Amino acid sequence: MTQRDTNLRGIAREWLAARIIVLGGFVIAIAVAAYFTLRPAPVTQQQPAAQTEQQAATTLARKTANAKAAIMVCAMELLNAKNFGIVPSYGQLVSMYPKKTATRGRYACTAGTNVARYVIAGDLVCHNLLDSRCVSLYEIKTGDGTLLYQRQRQ
């Protein structure tokens, strides 16, 4: 065998390997394209995510409305206590949110001045919190528990 025959055989092997690599690459590229083109879209996963976001937004709106209503209860209790002349006109809420009491529909809020603290308990008698008559004062105590006002029982 001559040098030339050896070189031609080497070139033939390299050419065969190059054809196999190129054809194999095309087969793999076509398979990947077919996989991404023909697979079904995951529709079921998108709907629950949208529903979850909507439920979260609804829950947040409900919590915000409840927080505003709670603040309004305390504000109305303080306003009524000022109107009765028991809490000074310069009294302010110490805590914005009411505390539940043992009686259903009765909430207690804390108000105060520089000198004294007041615990104002009131009953929620209707749902329109913009009307001061919807929060009926039950009792007002000082911070040390001294009773300043208590509604008469009927």
C-alpha atoms as a PDB file:
ATOM      1  CA  MET A   1       0.000   0.000   0.000  1.00  0.00           C
ATOM      2  CA  THR A   2       1.117   3.356  -0.809  1.00  0.00           C
ATOM      3  CA  GLN A   3       0.991   6.528   1.197  1.00  0.00           C
ATOM      4  CA  ARG A   4      -1.718   7.823  -1.061  1.00  0.00           C
ATOM      5  CA  ASP A   5      -4.050   4.847  -0.395  1.00  0.00           C
ATOM      6  CA  THR A   6      -3.591   5.254   3.337  1.00  0.00           C
ATOM      7  CA  ASN A   7      -4.470   8.946   3.119  1.00  0.00           C
ATOM      8  CA  LEU A   8      -7.604   8.213   1.050  1.00  0.00           C
ATOM      9  CA  ARG A   9      -8.831   5.653   3.563  1.00  0.00           C
ATOM     10  CA  GLY A  10      -8.318   8.133   6.430  1.00  0.00           C
ATOM     11  CA  ILE A  11     -10.158  10.840   4.540  1.00  0.00           C
ATOM     12  CA  ALA A  12     -13.030   8.401   3.798  1.00  0.00           C
ATOM     13  CA  ARG A  13     -13.348   7.525   7.519  1.00  0.00           C
ATOM     14  CA  GLU A  14     -13.366  11.214   8.504  1.00  0.00           C
ATOM     15  CA  TRP A  15     -15.964  11.982   5.831  1.00  0.00           C
ATOM     16  CA  LEU A  16     -18.204   9.136   7.103  1.00  0.00           C
ATOM     17  CA  ALA A  17     -17.885  10.389  10.693  1.00  0.00           C
ATOM     18  CA  ALA A  18     -18.765  13.945   9.610  1.00  0.00           C
ATOM     19  CA  ARG A  19     -21.880  12.715   7.755  1.00  0.00           C
ATOM     20  CA  ILE A  20     -22.999  10.690  10.783  1.00  0.00           C
ATOM     21  CA  ILE A  21     -22.536  13.686  13.110  1.00  0.00           C
ATOM     22  CA  VAL A  22     -24.382  16.101  10.797  1.00  0.00           C
ATOM     23  CA  LEU A  23     -27.291  13.716  10.143  1.00  0.00           C
ATOM     24  CA  GLY A  24     -27.508  12.838  13.862  1.00  0.00           C
ATOM     25  CA  GLY A  25     -27.633  16.564  14.718  1.00  0.00           C
ATOM     26  CA  PHE A  26     -30.475  17.096  12.262  1.00  0.00           C
ATOM     27  CA  VAL A  27     -32.423  14.155  13.720  1.00  0.00           C
ATOM     28  CA  ILE A  28     -31.990  15.501  17.267  1.00  0.00           C
ATOM     29  CA  ALA A  29     -32.992  19.044  16.201  1.00  0.00           C
ATOM     30  CA  ILE A  30     -36.136  17.757  14.471  1.00  0.00           C
ATOM     31  CA  ALA A  31     -37.053  15.653  17.520  1.00  0.00           C
ATOM     32  CA  VAL A  32     -36.687  18.618  19.891  1.00  0.00           C
ATOM     33  CA  ALA A  33     -38.729  20.879  17.608  1.00  0.00           C
ATOM     34  CA  ALA A  34     -41.458  18.250  17.313  1.00  0.00           C
ATOM     35  CA  TYR A  35     -41.566  17.808  21.106  1.00  0.00           C
ATOM     36  CA  PHE A  36     -42.079  21.526  21.791  1.00  0.00           C
ATOM     37  CA  THR A  37     -44.506  21.958  18.891  1.00  0.00           C
ATOM     38  CA  LEU A  38     -46.755  18.960  19.433  1.00  0.00           C
ATOM     39  CA  ARG A  39     -46.992  18.777  23.231  1.00  0.00           C
ATOM     40  CA  PRO A  40     -50.322  19.941  24.773  1.00  0.00           C
ATOM     41  CA  ALA A  41     -50.399  23.299  26.589  1.00  0.00           C
ATOM     42  CA  PRO A  42     -50.747  23.079  30.408  1.00  0.00           C
ATOM     43  CA  VAL A  43     -54.184  24.782  30.628  1.00  0.00           C
ATOM     44  CA  THR A  44     -55.172  23.201  33.943  1.00  0.00           C
ATOM     45  CA  GLN A  45     -52.248  24.791  35.774  1.00  0.00           C
ATOM     46  CA  GLN A  46     -53.086  28.343  34.643  1.00  0.00           C
ATOM     47  CA  GLN A  47     -56.711  28.382  35.825  1.00  0.00           C
ATOM     48  CA  PRO A  48     -56.075  27.589  39.513  1.00  0.00           C
ATOM     49  CA  ALA A  49     -53.337  30.210  39.652  1.00  0.00           C
ATOM     50  CA  ALA A  50     -55.740  32.862  38.357  1.00  0.00           C
ATOM     51  CA  GLN A  51     -58.409  31.725  40.803  1.00  0.00           C
ATOM     52  CA  THR A  52     -55.917  31.824  43.669  1.00  0.00           C
ATOM     53  CA  GLU A  53     -54.927  35.408  42.811  1.00  0.00           C
ATOM     54  CA  GLN A  54     -58.593  36.423  42.647  1.00  0.00           C
ATOM     55  CA  GLN A  55     -59.312  34.754  45.991  1.00  0.00           C
ATOM     56  CA  ALA A  56     -56.297  36.486  47.549  1.00  0.00           C
ATOM     57  CA  ALA A  57     -57.490  39.864  46.267  1.00  0.00           C
ATOM     58  CA  THR A  58     -60.999  39.217  47.620  1.00  0.00           C
ATOM     59  CA  THR A  59     -59.620  38.159  51.003  1.00  0.00           C
ATOM     60  CA  LEU A  60     -57.402  41.243  51.178  1.00  0.00           C
ATOM     61  CA  ALA A  61     -60.344  43.518  50.333  1.00  0.00           C
ATOM     62  CA  ARG A  62     -62.466  41.839  53.011  1.00  0.00           C
ATOM     63  CA  LYS A  63     -59.714  42.215  55.634  1.00  0.00           C
ATOM     64  CA  THR A  64     -59.247  45.864  54.716  1.00  0.00           C
ATOM     65  CA  ALA A  65     -62.974  46.526  55.050  1.00  0.00           C
ATOM     66  CA  ASN A  66     -63.057  44.739  58.416  1.00  0.00           C
ATOM     67  CA  ALA A  67     -60.091  46.776  59.672  1.00  0.00           C
ATOM     68  CA  LYS A  68     -61.778  50.030  58.620  1.00  0.00           C
ATOM     69  CA  ALA A  69     -64.991  48.956  60.359  1.00  0.00           C
ATOM     70  CA  ALA A  70     -63.076  48.111  63.553  1.00  0.00           C
ATOM     71  CA  ILE A  71     -61.412  51.519  63.551  1.00  0.00           C
ATOM     72  CA  MET A  72     -64.799  53.165  63.026  1.00  0.00           C
ATOM     73  CA  VAL A  73     -66.241  51.344  66.061  1.00  0.00           C
ATOM     74  CA  CYS A  74     -63.514  52.782  68.298  1.00  0.00           C
ATOM     75  CA  ALA A  75     -63.879  56.236  66.764  1.00  0.00           C
ATOM     76  CA  MET A  76     -67.650  56.229  67.364  1.00  0.00           C
ATOM     77  CA  GLU A  77     -67.216  55.018  70.952  1.00  0.00           C
ATOM     78  CA  LEU A  78     -64.776  57.850  71.640  1.00  0.00           C
ATOM     79  CA  LEU A  79     -67.036  60.399  69.949  1.00  0.00           C
ATOM     80  CA  ASN A  80     -70.020  59.291  72.058  1.00  0.00           C
ATOM     81  CA  ALA A  81     -67.932  59.396  75.255  1.00  0.00           C
ATOM     82  CA  LYS A  82     -66.824  62.952  74.406  1.00  0.00           C
ATOM     83  CA  ASN A  83     -70.439  63.946  73.667  1.00  0.00           C
ATOM     84  CA  PHE A  84     -71.513  62.607  77.075  1.00  0.00           C
ATOM     85  CA  GLY A  85     -68.786  64.769  78.639  1.00  0.00           C
ATOM     86  CA  ILE A  86     -67.019  61.840  80.313  1.00  0.00           C
ATOM     87  CA  VAL A  87     -63.855  61.853  78.206  1.00  0.00           C
ATOM     88  CA  PRO A  88     -62.274  65.293  77.644  1.00  0.00           C
ATOM     89  CA  SER A  89     -62.567  66.780  74.171  1.00  0.00           C
ATOM     90  CA  TYR A  90     -58.811  66.428  73.657  1.00  0.00           C
ATOM     91  CA  GLY A  91     -58.885  62.657  74.345  1.00  0.00           C
ATOM     92  CA  GLN A  92     -57.557  60.402  71.618  1.00  0.00           C
ATOM     93  CA  LEU A  93     -57.609  56.708  70.825  1.00  0.00           C
ATOM     94  CA  VAL A  94     -54.684  54.798  72.275  1.00  0.00           C
ATOM     95  CA  SER A  95     -55.397  51.635  70.290  1.00  0.00           C
ATOM     96  CA  MET A  96     -57.114  51.798  66.925  1.00  0.00           C
ATOM     97  CA  TYR A  97     -58.662  48.339  67.107  1.00  0.00           C
ATOM     98  CA  PRO A  98     -61.346  47.213  69.553  1.00  0.00           C
ATOM     99  CA  LYS A  99     -61.101  44.188  71.814  1.00  0.00           C
ATOM    100  CA  LYS A 100     -63.908  41.665  72.080  1.00  0.00           C
ATOM    101  CA  THR A 101     -65.658  41.312  75.399  1.00  0.00           C
ATOM    102  CA  ALA A 102     -67.597  38.422  76.902  1.00  0.00           C
ATOM    103  CA  THR A 103     -70.870  39.880  75.592  1.00  0.00           C
ATOM    104  CA  ARG A 104     -71.661  39.319  71.933  1.00  0.00           C
ATOM    105  CA  GLY A 105     -71.665  42.571  69.942  1.00  0.00           C
ATOM    106  CA  ARG A 106     -69.836  44.527  72.649  1.00  0.00           C
ATOM    107  CA  TYR A 107     -66.381  45.886  71.965  1.00  0.00           C
ATOM    108  CA  ALA A 108     -63.946  47.764  74.192  1.00  0.00           C
ATOM    109  CA  CYS A 109     -61.518  50.432  73.025  1.00  0.00           C
ATOM    110  CA  THR A 110     -58.799  52.297  74.874  1.00  0.00           C
ATOM    111  CA  ALA A 111     -58.617  56.070  74.774  1.00  0.00           C
ATOM    112  CA  GLY A 112     -56.557  58.511  76.775  1.00  0.00           C
ATOM    113  CA  THR A 113     -55.129  61.900  77.479  1.00  0.00           C
ATOM    114  CA  ASN A 114     -51.758  62.920  78.911  1.00  0.00           C
ATOM    115  CA  VAL A 115     -53.177  62.338  82.387  1.00  0.00           C
ATOM    116  CA  ALA A 116     -55.593  59.392  82.222  1.00  0.00           C
ATOM    117  CA  ARG A 117     -56.541  56.284  80.273  1.00  0.00           C
ATOM    118  CA  TYR A 118     -60.118  55.240  79.557  1.00  0.00           C
ATOM    119  CA  VAL A 119     -61.604  51.900  78.574  1.00  0.00           C
ATOM    120  CA  ILE A 120     -64.762  52.544  76.604  1.00  0.00           C
ATOM    121  CA  ALA A 121     -67.126  49.619  76.002  1.00  0.00           C
ATOM    122  CA  GLY A 122     -69.973  49.919  73.548  1.00  0.00           C
ATOM    123  CA  ASP A 123     -72.555  47.768  71.838  1.00  0.00           C
ATOM    124  CA  LEU A 124     -72.824  47.622  68.077  1.00  0.00           C
ATOM    125  CA  VAL A 125     -76.567  47.986  67.406  1.00  0.00           C
ATOM    126  CA  CYS A 126     -76.622  48.475  63.614  1.00  0.00           C
ATOM    127  CA  HIS A 127     -74.308  48.177  60.625  1.00  0.00           C
ATOM    128  CA  ASN A 128     -74.068  51.838  59.553  1.00  0.00           C
ATOM    129  CA  LEU A 129     -70.919  52.869  61.371  1.00  0.00           C
ATOM    130  CA  LEU A 130     -71.111  56.422  60.050  1.00  0.00           C
ATOM    131  CA  ASP A 131     -74.118  57.003  62.335  1.00  0.00           C
ATOM    132  CA  SER A 132     -73.047  57.595  65.938  1.00  0.00           C
ATOM    133  CA  ARG A 133     -76.307  55.991  67.173  1.00  0.00           C
ATOM    134  CA  CYS A 134     -75.120  52.623  65.850  1.00  0.00           C
ATOM    135  CA  VAL A 135     -72.594  52.371  68.681  1.00  0.00           C
ATOM    136  CA  SER A 136     -74.324  52.533  72.047  1.00  0.00           C
ATOM    137  CA  LEU A 137     -72.072  53.212  75.039  1.00  0.00           C
ATOM    138  CA  TYR A 138     -72.240  50.532  77.709  1.00  0.00           C
ATOM    139  CA  GLU A 139     -69.623  51.653  80.194  1.00  0.00           C
ATOM    140  CA  ILE A 140     -66.550  53.810  80.597  1.00  0.00           C
ATOM    141  CA  LYS A 141     -63.819  52.981  83.106  1.00  0.00           C
ATOM    142  CA  THR A 142     -60.522  54.594  83.913  1.00  0.00           C
ATOM    143  CA  GLY A 143     -57.305  52.702  83.419  1.00  0.00           C
ATOM    144  CA  ASP A 144     -57.296  51.583  87.067  1.00  0.00           C
ATOM    145  CA  GLY A 145     -60.847  50.162  86.791  1.00  0.00           C
ATOM    146  CA  THR A 146     -62.859  52.998  88.357  1.00  0.00           C
ATOM    147  CA  LEU A 147     -66.336  53.041  86.795  1.00  0.00           C
ATOM    148  CA  LEU A 148     -67.204  56.467  85.360  1.00  0.00           C
ATOM    149  CA  TYR A 149     -70.343  55.583  83.412  1.00  0.00           C
ATOM    150  CA  GLN A 150     -72.587  52.562  82.954  1.00  0.00           C
ATOM    151  CA  ARG A 151     -75.746  52.387  80.906  1.00  0.00           C
ATOM    152  CA  GLN A 152     -78.890  51.742  82.908  1.00  0.00           C
ATOM    153  CA  ARG A 153     -80.520  48.365  82.316  1.00  0.00           C
ATOM    154  CA  GLN A 154     -83.986  48.489  80.838  1.00  0.00           C
END
